[in-house]
Protein backbone atom coordinates (compact mmCIF):
# COMPACT_ATOMS: atom_id res chain seq x y z
CA MET A 1 -10.40 13.90 -10.28
CA TRP A 2 -8.12 16.09 -12.37
CA THR A 3 -7.08 19.26 -10.58
CA MET A 4 -3.82 21.02 -11.69
CA SER A 5 -2.65 24.20 -13.13
CA THR A 6 -2.10 23.84 -16.86
CA PRO A 7 0.83 25.55 -18.74
CA ARG A 8 0.44 29.27 -18.63
CA THR A 9 -1.22 31.38 -21.21
CA ALA A 10 -0.35 35.00 -20.92
CA ALA A 11 -2.59 37.75 -22.33
CA ARG A 12 -1.24 39.38 -25.36
CA LYS A 13 0.60 42.63 -24.81
CA THR A 14 1.32 45.49 -27.20
CA ARG A 15 4.73 46.52 -28.33
CA GLY A 16 7.07 48.01 -25.68
CA THR A 17 4.94 46.88 -22.75
CA TYR A 18 6.98 43.73 -21.75
CA HIS A 19 9.05 43.83 -18.46
CA HIS A 20 12.45 42.48 -19.19
CA GLY A 21 12.02 39.26 -17.06
CA HIS A 22 8.46 38.60 -18.69
CA LEU A 23 9.32 38.54 -22.41
CA ARG A 24 10.76 35.03 -22.56
CA GLN A 25 7.52 33.62 -21.07
CA ALA A 26 5.29 35.70 -23.40
CA LEU A 27 7.22 34.29 -26.39
CA VAL A 28 6.52 30.74 -25.18
CA ASP A 29 2.97 31.55 -24.61
CA GLU A 30 2.68 33.02 -27.92
CA ALA A 31 4.11 29.94 -29.42
CA VAL A 32 1.75 27.60 -27.55
CA ARG A 33 -1.23 29.73 -29.03
CA THR A 34 0.14 29.55 -32.56
CA ILE A 35 0.64 25.74 -32.34
CA GLY A 36 -2.89 25.44 -30.82
CA ARG A 37 -4.26 27.39 -33.84
CA SER A 38 -2.17 26.01 -36.70
CA GLY A 39 0.11 23.14 -35.67
CA VAL A 40 3.80 22.83 -35.04
CA ASP A 41 4.81 23.23 -38.61
CA ALA A 42 3.33 26.71 -38.87
CA LEU A 43 5.50 28.14 -35.92
CA THR A 44 8.21 30.27 -36.93
CA LEU A 45 10.46 32.31 -34.20
CA ARG A 46 10.01 35.42 -36.42
CA GLY A 47 6.17 34.95 -36.43
CA VAL A 48 6.13 34.70 -32.90
CA GLY A 49 7.96 37.88 -32.41
CA ALA A 50 5.81 39.68 -34.90
CA ALA A 51 2.68 38.56 -33.01
CA LEU A 52 3.93 40.20 -30.04
CA GLY A 53 5.40 43.26 -31.57
CA VAL A 54 9.07 42.72 -30.34
CA SER A 55 12.18 43.35 -32.17
CA ARG A 56 14.37 40.71 -33.72
CA THR A 57 17.20 41.61 -31.38
CA ALA A 58 14.98 40.87 -28.31
CA LEU A 59 13.54 37.73 -29.90
CA TYR A 60 16.96 36.22 -30.56
CA ARG A 61 18.32 37.29 -27.12
CA HIS A 62 16.01 34.81 -25.61
CA PHE A 63 15.91 31.99 -28.42
CA ALA A 64 18.55 31.21 -30.86
CA ASP A 65 16.19 29.30 -33.07
CA LYS A 66 12.75 27.55 -33.31
CA ASP A 67 13.93 24.30 -31.69
CA ALA A 68 15.17 26.27 -28.79
CA LEU A 69 11.57 27.78 -28.19
CA LEU A 70 10.10 24.35 -28.85
CA ALA A 71 12.25 22.83 -26.41
CA VAL A 72 10.84 25.25 -23.72
CA VAL A 73 7.25 24.53 -24.66
CA ALA A 74 8.12 20.72 -24.22
CA ARG A 75 9.72 21.21 -20.99
CA GLU A 76 6.80 23.07 -19.67
CA GLY A 77 4.57 20.01 -20.83
CA PHE A 78 6.36 17.30 -19.21
CA VAL A 79 6.73 19.15 -15.89
CA ALA A 80 3.13 19.77 -15.86
CA LEU A 81 2.36 16.13 -17.01
CA LYS A 82 4.35 14.77 -14.09
CA ALA A 83 2.65 16.91 -11.64
CA THR A 84 -0.53 15.66 -13.07
CA LEU A 85 0.31 12.04 -12.64
CA ASP A 86 1.73 12.42 -9.39
CA ALA A 87 -1.56 14.30 -8.09
CA ALA A 88 -3.82 11.64 -9.48
CA ARG A 89 -1.79 8.97 -7.62
CA THR A 90 -1.79 11.10 -4.26
CA ARG A 91 -5.53 11.47 -4.48
CA CYS A 92 -6.46 7.66 -4.72
CA ALA A 93 -5.86 5.48 -1.73
CA ASP A 94 -6.23 2.16 -3.62
CA LEU A 95 -3.06 0.98 -5.42
CA ASP A 96 -5.06 -0.55 -8.38
CA GLY A 97 -7.21 2.63 -8.59
CA GLN A 98 -4.05 4.92 -8.84
CA LEU A 99 -2.89 3.19 -12.08
CA THR A 100 -6.46 3.80 -13.51
CA ASP A 101 -6.73 7.26 -12.41
CA MET A 102 -3.32 8.17 -13.73
CA GLY A 103 -4.49 7.04 -17.15
CA THR A 104 -7.53 9.09 -16.95
CA ALA A 105 -5.34 12.08 -15.91
CA TYR A 106 -3.02 11.54 -18.80
CA VAL A 107 -5.84 11.51 -21.45
CA ARG A 108 -7.15 14.68 -19.97
CA PHE A 109 -3.89 16.48 -19.86
CA ALA A 110 -3.34 15.57 -23.56
CA LEU A 111 -6.89 17.02 -24.42
CA ASP A 112 -6.49 20.14 -22.18
CA ASN A 113 -2.87 20.94 -23.32
CA GLN A 114 -2.89 19.95 -27.06
CA ALA A 115 -0.36 22.30 -28.20
CA HIS A 116 2.13 21.25 -25.46
CA TYR A 117 1.43 17.55 -26.13
CA LEU A 118 1.90 17.62 -29.85
CA VAL A 119 5.26 19.22 -29.12
CA MET A 120 6.25 16.79 -26.40
CA PHE A 121 5.55 13.62 -28.47
CA GLY A 122 6.24 15.08 -32.04
CA SER A 123 9.06 14.65 -34.36
CA PHE A 124 10.72 17.52 -32.95
CA LEU A 125 12.07 15.51 -30.03
CA GLU A 126 14.41 13.42 -32.54
CA ARG A 127 16.54 16.74 -32.88
CA CYS A 128 16.68 17.06 -29.08
CA GLN A 129 18.86 14.18 -27.96
CA ASP A 130 21.57 16.47 -26.93
CA ALA A 131 19.41 18.61 -24.70
CA PRO A 132 19.69 17.15 -21.18
CA GLU A 133 17.44 19.26 -19.24
CA LEU A 134 14.49 18.23 -21.79
CA MET A 135 15.47 14.75 -21.78
CA ALA A 136 15.57 14.70 -17.92
CA ASP A 137 12.12 16.35 -17.64
CA ALA A 138 10.72 13.78 -20.21
CA THR A 139 12.29 10.86 -18.47
CA ALA A 140 10.92 12.01 -14.98
CA ALA A 141 7.42 12.29 -16.42
CA PHE A 142 7.58 8.59 -17.78
CA GLN A 143 9.33 7.45 -14.47
CA ALA A 144 6.11 8.32 -12.65
CA LEU A 145 4.37 5.41 -14.55
CA VAL A 146 7.43 3.06 -14.03
CA ALA A 147 7.29 3.76 -10.34
CA MET A 148 3.61 2.86 -10.27
CA ILE A 149 4.26 -0.38 -12.06
CA VAL A 150 6.88 -1.31 -9.74
CA ASP A 151 4.91 -0.56 -6.75
CA LEU A 152 2.10 -2.80 -8.17
CA GLN A 153 4.69 -5.63 -8.74
CA GLN A 154 5.91 -5.41 -5.24
CA ALA A 155 2.34 -5.85 -3.94
CA GLY A 156 1.87 -8.88 -6.15
CA ARG A 157 -0.69 -7.13 -8.38
CA VAL A 158 1.29 -7.07 -11.65
CA ARG A 159 3.26 -9.99 -12.96
CA ALA A 160 7.07 -9.92 -12.54
CA ASP A 161 8.03 -8.91 -16.23
CA ASP A 162 10.35 -6.06 -17.00
CA PRO A 163 8.72 -2.93 -15.45
CA LEU A 164 9.99 -0.55 -18.27
CA LEU A 165 8.43 -2.92 -20.82
CA LEU A 166 5.19 -3.09 -19.03
CA SER A 167 5.21 0.67 -18.73
CA ARG A 168 5.87 1.13 -22.32
CA PHE A 169 2.66 -1.12 -22.98
CA VAL A 170 0.55 0.96 -20.79
CA TRP A 171 1.88 4.25 -22.16
CA ALA A 172 1.45 3.19 -25.79
CA SER A 173 -2.12 2.13 -25.01
CA VAL A 174 -3.07 5.44 -23.26
CA HIS A 175 -0.99 7.54 -25.65
CA GLY A 176 -2.76 5.99 -28.76
CA ILE A 177 -6.17 6.99 -27.19
CA ALA A 178 -5.03 10.46 -26.47
CA LEU A 179 -3.78 10.94 -30.03
CA LEU A 180 -7.07 9.51 -31.58
CA ALA A 181 -9.00 11.97 -29.59
CA ILE A 182 -6.73 15.02 -30.34
CA ASN A 183 -7.02 14.32 -34.10
CA GLY A 184 -10.83 14.00 -34.12
CA GLN A 185 -10.64 10.29 -35.04
CA LEU A 186 -13.05 9.34 -32.18
CA GLY A 187 -15.64 11.73 -33.52
CA PRO A 188 -16.20 15.57 -33.07
CA ASP A 189 -16.41 15.40 -29.28
CA ARG A 190 -12.77 14.97 -28.22
CA SER A 191 -13.86 14.18 -24.57
CA ALA A 192 -14.68 10.74 -26.19
CA GLY A 193 -11.25 9.78 -25.47
CA VAL A 194 -11.80 9.86 -21.80
CA ALA A 195 -14.70 7.55 -22.35
CA LEU A 196 -12.60 5.19 -24.42
CA TYR A 197 -10.04 4.96 -22.03
CA ALA A 198 -12.55 4.26 -19.14
CA ALA A 199 -13.65 1.30 -21.30
CA CYS A 200 -10.24 0.19 -22.08
CA ALA A 201 -8.78 0.62 -18.53
CA PRO A 202 -9.96 -2.79 -17.10
CA ARG A 203 -8.50 -4.64 -20.17
CA ILE A 204 -5.16 -2.81 -19.81
CA ARG A 205 -5.04 -3.64 -16.20
CA ALA A 206 -5.99 -7.37 -16.94
CA ALA A 207 -3.26 -7.52 -19.31
CA LEU A 208 -0.82 -6.75 -16.57
CA GLU A 209 -1.78 -9.56 -14.31
């Protein structure tokens, strides 16, 4: 059901082997690996540069600070998330089924891209209100859900409440399941999040009627 390319992870290279145009992405990929291993708080710009064996001069040529690096990680995540949600809708012909499939795709995306996901929805975003490109990508991903709710309303399958409010209700439900699974609070098998969403999806859908 879920087929898309997840955010890229480049192979680690040795000092001096980066082409000028590839270093920026290599730094982003190393940041994702660090977050995946140790969490967002463990990430430092200097640590990323050291892991790749690049000079501080080259490092700061691409990113002024840690927040600038995290912003790129978050943008990658939001762009990939929107593509995932759009693909889920496209593959399902039934309007009601589209909403359910989008939820499944969301949980799977979170589980398959945990480093990106934790940056996308972490406290880091509170410092990014003046980052218009990041905010635009985040809004576009959420708007995919809003458009789904509006289409269901126009088809008479969802009550005529504020579509933004209904979208936030759906997102809060699915996002909560995703975080529980990522944090291991549903047991050692993190794929239990997909199973829990499958059980909750009919109840979420019924709440919209």
